[in-house]
Protein backbone atom coordinates (compact mmCIF):
# COMPACT_ATOMS: atom_id res chain seq x y z
CA MET A 1 157.19 90.76 90.26
CA ASN A 2 158.20 93.52 92.30
CA PHE A 3 155.92 95.42 94.71
CA ARG A 4 155.64 98.61 92.32
CA LYS A 5 154.62 96.52 89.28
CA CYS A 6 151.86 94.64 91.59
CA ALA A 7 150.80 97.77 92.56
CA ALA A 8 150.29 99.04 89.00
CA GLY A 9 148.32 96.13 88.14
CA PHE A 10 146.30 96.37 90.51
CA ALA A 11 144.92 100.08 89.89
CA LEU A 12 144.61 99.01 86.59
CA SER A 13 142.76 96.34 86.84
CA LEU A 14 140.43 98.14 88.95
CA LEU A 15 140.08 100.85 86.22
CA VAL A 16 139.27 98.57 83.64
CA ALA A 17 136.56 97.03 85.73
CA SER A 18 135.31 100.65 86.88
CA CYS A 19 134.80 101.26 83.07
CA ILE A 20 132.92 98.20 82.19
CA GLN A 21 131.05 98.63 85.14
CA ASP A 22 130.24 102.15 84.07
CA GLU A 23 129.27 100.89 80.97
CA VAL A 24 127.00 98.13 81.79
CA PRO A 25 123.09 98.93 80.35
CA ASN A 26 120.76 99.61 83.20
CA VAL A 27 118.25 96.43 83.62
CA GLU A 28 115.26 98.20 85.01
CA ALA A 29 111.93 98.67 83.79
CA ALA A 30 109.86 101.09 85.92
CA ILE A 31 108.02 103.92 85.73
CA ASP A 32 108.90 106.60 88.73
CA GLY A 33 106.68 109.38 87.92
CA CYS A 34 103.97 110.80 85.72
CA THR A 35 103.25 114.65 85.07
CA GLY A 36 101.21 116.78 82.85
CA ALA A 37 99.74 119.69 81.87
CA ASN A 38 96.33 119.18 83.37
CA ILE A 39 97.04 116.56 85.72
CA GLN A 40 95.72 117.25 89.08
CA LEU A 41 97.40 113.91 90.99
CA ALA A 42 98.97 110.69 89.81
CA ASN A 43 99.16 107.41 91.97
CA ILE A 44 101.57 104.96 90.75
CA ASP A 45 101.28 101.56 92.80
CA ALA A 46 104.50 100.13 91.57
CA THR A 47 103.77 96.49 93.23
CA HIS A 48 100.28 95.76 90.36
CA LYS A 49 101.99 98.31 87.81
CA GLU A 50 98.76 100.40 87.84
CA ILE A 51 98.53 104.14 87.49
CA GLU A 52 95.80 106.32 88.14
CA ILE A 53 95.45 109.69 86.39
CA TYR A 54 93.04 112.34 87.91
CA VAL A 55 91.89 115.22 85.84
CA LEU A 56 88.95 117.49 86.32
CA ASP A 57 86.00 116.34 85.08
CA GLY A 58 85.21 117.88 82.03
CA THR A 59 88.86 117.60 80.71
CA ASP A 60 89.60 116.85 77.15
CA VAL A 61 91.79 113.58 76.96
CA SER A 62 91.99 113.36 73.43
CA LYS A 63 95.49 114.81 73.86
CA GLN A 64 96.33 113.74 77.10
CA GLU A 65 100.26 114.74 78.25
CA LEU A 66 101.86 112.32 79.77
CA ASN A 67 105.58 112.53 80.77
CA PHE A 68 106.84 109.16 82.56
CA THR A 69 110.10 109.85 84.61
CA LEU A 70 111.36 106.63 83.90
CA ALA A 71 114.46 103.95 84.93
CA ASP A 72 117.51 105.07 83.58
CA GLY A 73 117.90 104.63 80.22
CA ALA A 74 114.46 102.90 79.82
CA THR A 75 112.15 103.73 77.14
CA ILE A 76 107.93 103.26 76.95
CA GLN A 77 105.37 102.52 74.43
CA ALA A 78 101.77 102.27 73.97
CA ASP A 79 100.75 98.91 73.61
CA GLU A 80 97.84 99.92 70.84
CA GLN A 81 98.11 102.82 69.26
CA GLU A 82 95.01 105.40 69.35
CA ALA A 83 94.25 108.19 66.81
CA GLY A 84 96.18 111.03 67.42
CA ASP A 85 99.03 109.83 69.86
CA GLN A 86 101.70 111.49 69.39
CA PRO A 87 104.01 111.51 72.50
CA PRO A 88 104.25 112.48 75.05
CA PHE A 89 100.52 113.18 74.14
CA TYR A 90 98.13 110.26 74.14
CA ASN A 91 94.38 109.95 73.11
CA PHE A 92 92.39 108.48 76.01
CA SER A 93 89.01 109.48 74.66
CA GLU A 94 88.02 106.24 73.32
CA ARG A 95 89.65 104.33 76.14
CA THR A 96 90.02 105.56 79.67
CA LEU A 97 92.41 102.50 80.55
CA ARG A 98 95.54 101.70 78.37
CA ARG A 99 98.57 100.05 78.44
CA PHE A 100 101.87 100.95 78.58
CA THR A 101 105.11 98.22 78.14
CA VAL A 102 108.72 99.60 79.93
CA THR A 103 111.28 98.34 78.38
CA SER A 104 115.11 98.38 80.26
CA GLU A 105 118.21 100.06 78.97
CA ASP A 106 119.77 96.72 78.41
CA SER A 107 116.61 95.10 76.24
CA ASN A 108 116.17 92.24 78.58
CA THR A 109 113.59 93.57 81.13
CA GLN A 110 110.35 94.81 80.43
CA ALA A 111 107.05 95.40 82.57
CA THR A 112 103.45 96.72 81.06
CA TYR A 113 102.08 99.42 83.50
CA ILE A 114 98.21 99.72 83.31
CA VAL A 115 97.22 103.84 83.12
CA ARG A 116 93.73 104.72 83.54
CA ILE A 117 92.84 108.77 83.25
CA ASN A 118 90.17 109.28 85.51
CA LYS A 119 87.85 112.62 85.53
CA MET A 120 87.21 113.60 88.88
CA GLU A 121 84.87 115.90 90.85
CA LEU A 122 86.09 115.35 94.60
CA PRO A 123 83.16 113.93 96.97
CA THR A 124 82.17 115.27 100.08
CA HIS A 125 81.14 112.14 102.09
CA TYR A 126 83.88 109.65 103.24
CA SER A 127 83.26 106.25 104.63
CA PHE A 128 86.00 103.35 104.64
CA GLU A 129 84.56 100.81 103.23
CA ASN A 130 86.22 99.86 100.18
CA LEU A 131 89.70 98.48 99.53
CA ARG A 132 91.31 98.87 96.09
CA ALA A 133 93.89 96.37 97.29
CA THR A 134 95.02 94.27 100.47
CA THR A 135 98.47 93.23 99.57
CA PRO A 136 100.80 93.80 100.70
CA TYR A 137 99.27 96.65 102.33
CA HIS A 138 95.39 98.07 102.46
CA ILE A 139 94.76 101.02 99.75
CA PHE A 140 91.86 102.42 100.40
CA TYR A 141 89.41 104.29 97.34
CA LEU A 142 86.68 106.11 97.21
CA THR A 143 84.15 106.53 94.45
CA ASN A 144 81.85 108.68 92.49
CA GLU A 145 79.99 109.07 88.86
CA SER A 146 82.82 110.15 88.24
CA GLY A 147 85.47 107.95 88.46
CA ILE A 148 87.75 106.42 90.96
CA MET A 149 89.48 107.99 93.46
CA GLN A 150 92.98 106.33 96.12
CA TRP A 151 93.17 107.50 99.29
CA ALA A 152 97.18 107.95 99.94
CA SER A 153 98.81 106.77 102.70
CA GLY A 154 102.51 106.18 104.05
CA ASN A 155 101.88 102.42 103.48
CA PRO A 156 104.41 102.49 100.76
CA GLY A 157 107.39 104.03 102.65
CA TYR A 158 106.36 101.74 105.78
CA GLU A 159 107.21 98.76 103.41
CA LEU A 160 110.77 99.59 103.00
CA SER A 161 111.28 99.00 106.92
CA GLY A 162 110.32 95.19 105.91
CA MET A 163 108.75 95.58 109.71
CA ALA A 164 105.35 94.47 108.52
CA LEU A 165 104.48 90.56 108.38
CA ASN A 166 101.15 90.86 106.81
CA GLU A 167 98.93 93.60 105.54
CA ASN A 168 97.29 94.20 109.25
CA GLU A 169 100.80 95.30 111.01
CA TYR A 170 101.00 98.27 108.35
CA PRO A 171 99.96 102.05 110.07
CA THR A 172 97.35 102.10 107.94
CA VAL A 173 94.81 99.22 107.97
CA GLN A 174 90.93 98.91 107.42
CA ILE A 175 89.26 96.97 110.39
CA PRO A 176 85.39 95.51 110.42
CA ILE A 177 83.88 97.53 113.50
CA GLY A 178 83.79 101.19 112.61
CA HIS A 179 80.79 103.62 113.65
CA SER A 180 79.12 102.26 110.47
CA GLY A 181 80.14 99.11 108.79
CA ARG A 182 83.78 99.48 108.26
CA CYS A 183 86.41 102.06 109.50
CA VAL A 184 90.29 102.87 109.16
CA ARG A 185 92.43 102.26 111.75
CA LEU A 186 95.98 104.23 112.00
CA THR A 187 98.59 103.32 114.14
CA THR A 188 102.10 104.98 115.08
CA ARG A 189 104.65 102.36 114.24
CA ASP A 190 108.15 101.38 115.34
CA THR A 191 110.58 101.46 111.84
CA GLY A 192 112.87 99.51 113.57
CA SER A 193 116.92 99.07 112.09
CA PHE A 194 115.50 100.56 109.32
CA GLY A 195 114.36 103.84 110.28
CA GLU A 196 116.60 105.01 113.65
CA PRO A 197 119.97 105.17 112.06
CA ILE A 198 118.30 107.34 109.11
CA GLY A 199 116.11 109.75 111.70
CA MET A 200 113.16 107.95 111.04
CA PRO A 201 112.33 106.06 114.23
CA ILE A 202 108.36 105.87 113.91
CA ALA A 203 105.65 105.64 111.27
CA ALA A 204 102.77 107.63 112.02
CA GLY A 205 99.65 106.07 110.66
CA ASN A 206 98.06 108.48 108.52
CA LEU A 207 95.53 108.76 105.48
CA PHE A 208 95.03 111.87 103.15
CA ILE A 209 93.72 113.04 99.97
CA GLY A 210 96.59 113.56 97.48
CA SER A 211 99.19 111.04 96.44
CA PHE A 212 102.58 109.80 98.15
CA ASP A 213 106.14 109.81 96.41
CA VAL A 214 107.61 106.55 97.50
CA GLN A 215 111.24 107.41 95.65
CA ASN A 216 111.26 110.60 98.01
CA ALA A 217 110.16 108.68 101.24
CA VAL A 218 114.02 108.81 102.72
CA MET A 219 115.77 111.32 101.22
CA ALA A 220 112.72 114.03 101.72
CA PRO A 221 109.85 112.30 103.54
CA ARG A 222 107.91 115.36 104.17
CA GLU A 223 108.11 116.42 100.46
CA ALA A 224 107.14 112.87 99.45
CA THR A 225 103.40 113.28 101.09
CA HIS A 226 101.61 115.56 98.11
CA PHE A 227 98.03 116.93 99.92
CA GLY A 228 94.85 117.90 97.85
CA PHE A 229 93.01 117.63 95.13
CA PRO A 230 90.65 120.60 93.43
CA PHE A 231 87.32 121.46 95.24
CA THR A 232 84.98 123.98 93.65
CA LYS A 233 82.64 124.26 96.85
CA MET A 234 82.68 126.48 99.50
CA PRO A 235 83.66 124.16 102.68
CA VAL A 236 81.66 125.23 105.77
CA ARG A 237 82.55 122.32 108.48
CA LEU A 238 84.02 119.14 108.67
CA THR A 239 82.43 116.50 110.73
CA GLY A 240 82.88 112.80 111.19
CA TRP A 241 83.63 110.28 114.13
CA TYR A 242 86.73 109.08 116.23
CA LYS A 243 88.61 107.16 119.06
CA TYR A 244 91.87 107.58 120.10
CA LYS A 245 94.13 105.78 122.51
CA SER A 246 97.70 107.15 122.96
CA GLY A 247 100.79 105.31 123.11
CA GLU A 248 102.62 104.74 126.68
CA VAL A 249 105.76 106.49 126.07
CA PHE A 250 106.28 109.89 123.72
CA THR A 251 110.10 109.98 121.53
CA ASP A 252 111.43 112.67 119.81
CA GLU A 253 113.04 112.19 116.41
CA ASN A 254 115.80 110.45 118.26
CA LYS A 255 113.75 108.05 119.69
CA ASN A 256 114.67 109.72 123.13
CA ALA A 257 111.59 109.62 125.59
CA VAL A 258 110.25 112.85 126.26
CA ASN A 259 109.35 113.12 130.07
CA GLY A 260 106.00 114.95 130.67
CA GLU A 261 104.54 115.11 126.82
CA SER A 262 102.23 112.64 125.53
CA ASP A 263 100.88 112.09 122.08
CA MET A 264 97.58 113.47 120.57
CA GLY A 265 96.25 112.04 117.24
CA ASP A 266 95.45 114.79 114.36
CA ILE A 267 92.38 115.65 112.11
CA TYR A 268 92.48 118.49 109.89
CA ALA A 269 91.28 119.97 106.63
CA LEU A 270 92.85 122.78 104.35
CA LEU A 271 91.63 124.99 101.50
CA TYR A 272 94.49 126.49 99.68
CA GLU A 273 95.14 128.13 96.51
CA SER A 274 96.76 126.42 93.69
CA PRO A 275 98.58 128.49 91.29
CA ILE A 276 99.37 126.14 88.99
CA SER A 277 97.44 122.47 87.96
CA ASP A 278 99.88 120.45 89.92
CA TYR A 279 100.75 122.48 92.99
CA THR A 280 100.39 120.83 96.41
CA VAL A 281 101.46 121.22 99.76
CA ASN A 282 102.85 118.35 101.45
CA GLY A 283 104.13 117.32 104.98
CA ASP A 284 105.34 120.82 105.91
CA ALA A 285 102.11 122.58 105.62
CA LEU A 286 101.64 122.72 109.20
CA PRO A 287 104.70 122.68 110.69
CA LEU A 288 105.55 122.32 114.54
CA VAL A 289 106.52 125.73 114.84
CA GLY A 290 106.31 128.68 112.47
CA ALA A 291 104.53 129.95 109.79
CA ILE A 292 101.66 127.55 108.13
CA ASN A 293 101.88 127.32 103.99
CA GLU A 294 101.00 130.91 102.59
CA ASN A 295 98.64 129.45 100.41
CA ILE A 296 96.13 128.13 102.83
CA ALA A 297 93.25 130.29 102.59
CA LEU A 298 90.72 127.87 104.55
CA MET A 299 91.63 125.27 107.84
CA ALA A 300 89.32 123.08 109.61
CA ARG A 301 91.55 121.24 112.73
CA ILE A 302 91.00 119.32 115.84
CA THR A 303 92.25 120.80 118.73
CA ASP A 304 91.02 118.95 121.57
CA MET A 305 91.24 115.35 120.94
CA LYS A 306 90.83 112.85 123.68
CA GLU A 307 91.45 109.57 124.53
CA THR A 308 88.07 107.77 124.35
CA ASP A 309 87.24 103.85 123.46
CA GLU A 310 83.57 105.12 122.10
CA TRP A 311 83.15 106.51 119.02
CA THR A 312 83.38 110.29 119.44
CA TYR A 313 81.87 113.18 117.16
CA PHE A 314 83.98 115.81 115.82
CA ASP A 315 82.68 119.20 114.08
CA LEU A 316 85.45 121.43 113.12
CA PRO A 317 84.42 124.90 111.49
CA PHE A 318 86.86 126.01 108.47
CA LYS A 319 88.69 129.41 109.26
CA PRO A 320 90.03 131.72 107.19
CA GLN A 321 93.99 131.46 107.51
CA ASN A 322 96.63 133.88 105.96
CA GLY A 323 94.49 137.04 105.79
CA LYS A 324 92.73 135.49 102.73
CA THR A 325 89.14 135.56 101.59
CA ILE A 326 87.92 133.29 98.85
CA ASP A 327 87.87 134.34 95.09
CA ARG A 328 84.39 132.88 94.40
CA GLU A 329 85.07 132.95 90.90
CA GLY A 330 88.48 130.81 91.20
CA LEU A 331 86.98 128.28 93.43
CA ALA A 332 84.43 127.70 90.34
CA ASN A 333 87.21 127.26 88.27
CA GLY A 334 89.37 124.97 90.20
CA LYS A 335 91.66 127.37 91.28
CA TYR A 336 91.65 125.87 94.57
CA LYS A 337 92.35 122.20 96.43
CA LEU A 338 90.83 120.44 99.25
CA ALA A 339 93.26 118.31 101.33
CA ILE A 340 91.91 116.38 104.13
CA VAL A 341 94.15 114.62 106.52
CA PHE A 342 94.05 112.22 109.75
CA SER A 343 97.32 110.96 111.58
CA SER A 344 97.71 109.10 114.90
CA SER A 345 100.75 111.09 115.64
CA ILE A 346 100.25 115.16 115.44
CA GLY A 347 103.74 115.58 115.34
CA GLY A 348 104.56 111.98 113.00
CA GLY A 349 105.53 113.98 109.94
CA TYR A 350 108.62 115.06 112.29
CA PHE A 351 109.21 111.66 113.55
CA ARG A 352 107.70 112.77 116.93
CA GLY A 353 105.22 110.34 118.85
CA ALA A 354 104.53 107.44 120.73
CA VAL A 355 104.86 103.83 118.94
CA GLY A 356 101.25 101.90 119.68
CA SER A 357 99.04 105.47 119.21
CA GLU A 358 95.88 104.55 117.62
CA LEU A 359 93.29 106.77 115.65
CA CYS A 360 90.41 105.17 114.08
CA ILE A 361 88.07 107.57 111.88
CA ASP A 362 84.80 106.80 109.91
CA GLU A 363 82.38 108.65 108.39
CA VAL A 364 83.57 112.07 107.46
CA ASP A 365 81.75 114.94 105.49
CA VAL A 366 82.43 118.12 104.05
CA ILE A 367 79.52 120.33 104.93
CA CYS A 368 79.59 123.16 102.29
CA GLU A 369 77.59 126.12 101.78
């Protein structure tokens, strides 16, 4: 057989293999996202196959819109039908918790998710006593009479690095000795060989009201953080307790040491206008340089965080931003959202900080008029 025939045969085999590969059905059964007209927040726990949907207290959930983002070619169906179900609208008026099964494109893989609708009014006091899950990482939640709400963190993104050997080695963890009871400890961690080649050499410990989109954690990390939930009260001050210790070597986004610069933690809260129900500000809301997000109306932020081994009280006033005044009627009608954010490195969202920086937070209150 001459070379030309060999080459032609090889090319043909590649073409056939490529065509066969293109036609292979997808084997994944997963829910990657969930949206709907009145959904304020959706937290997807891929590990435990649980989805927490948050809507405003008083919302009619008899025709709750759920637009699921599925793996390519996958389908979804409610395990038990309820009167009035007309996908993508589902009746949650009788049962706030329902099960949905996802079937892969090749029909060989199935995954059942628990979907719960929570009618929620954001509380104003936050301790860190409760964990919704402890493995593979800690997930904090807060409770009130309206339901359960989960704090978000970057822990799901850090899991991709494979650096944590157990739940206590993640950036955001609960520890037993707080100012009162337990508290949250945020630590800036090294992302190792996973993070450095893609420009993410560190992962700051963070905790925030909102959600974290792990699907975009690598491609668009700041856009993957969604801050805030509707708030109908007028905030005046953000108070609480902290301890802070800076890591030894401050590095930039390329993990180069920066002489003369030291790390600092961050504590802040934002009240911002939400033009549509699913609008949220993200990790670019407060850039290292340049203007803050134009929808921010009030901000309370620490400016003098000190290194201290003792619990230190903070009392931060909400100050007007962007020349805005609060529309009291719009506030009462849920047109504003409140974001509360804690981070062990103030520049952590831009991958600037010091590995080992540690911020502990406890007993936080939003004081309102």
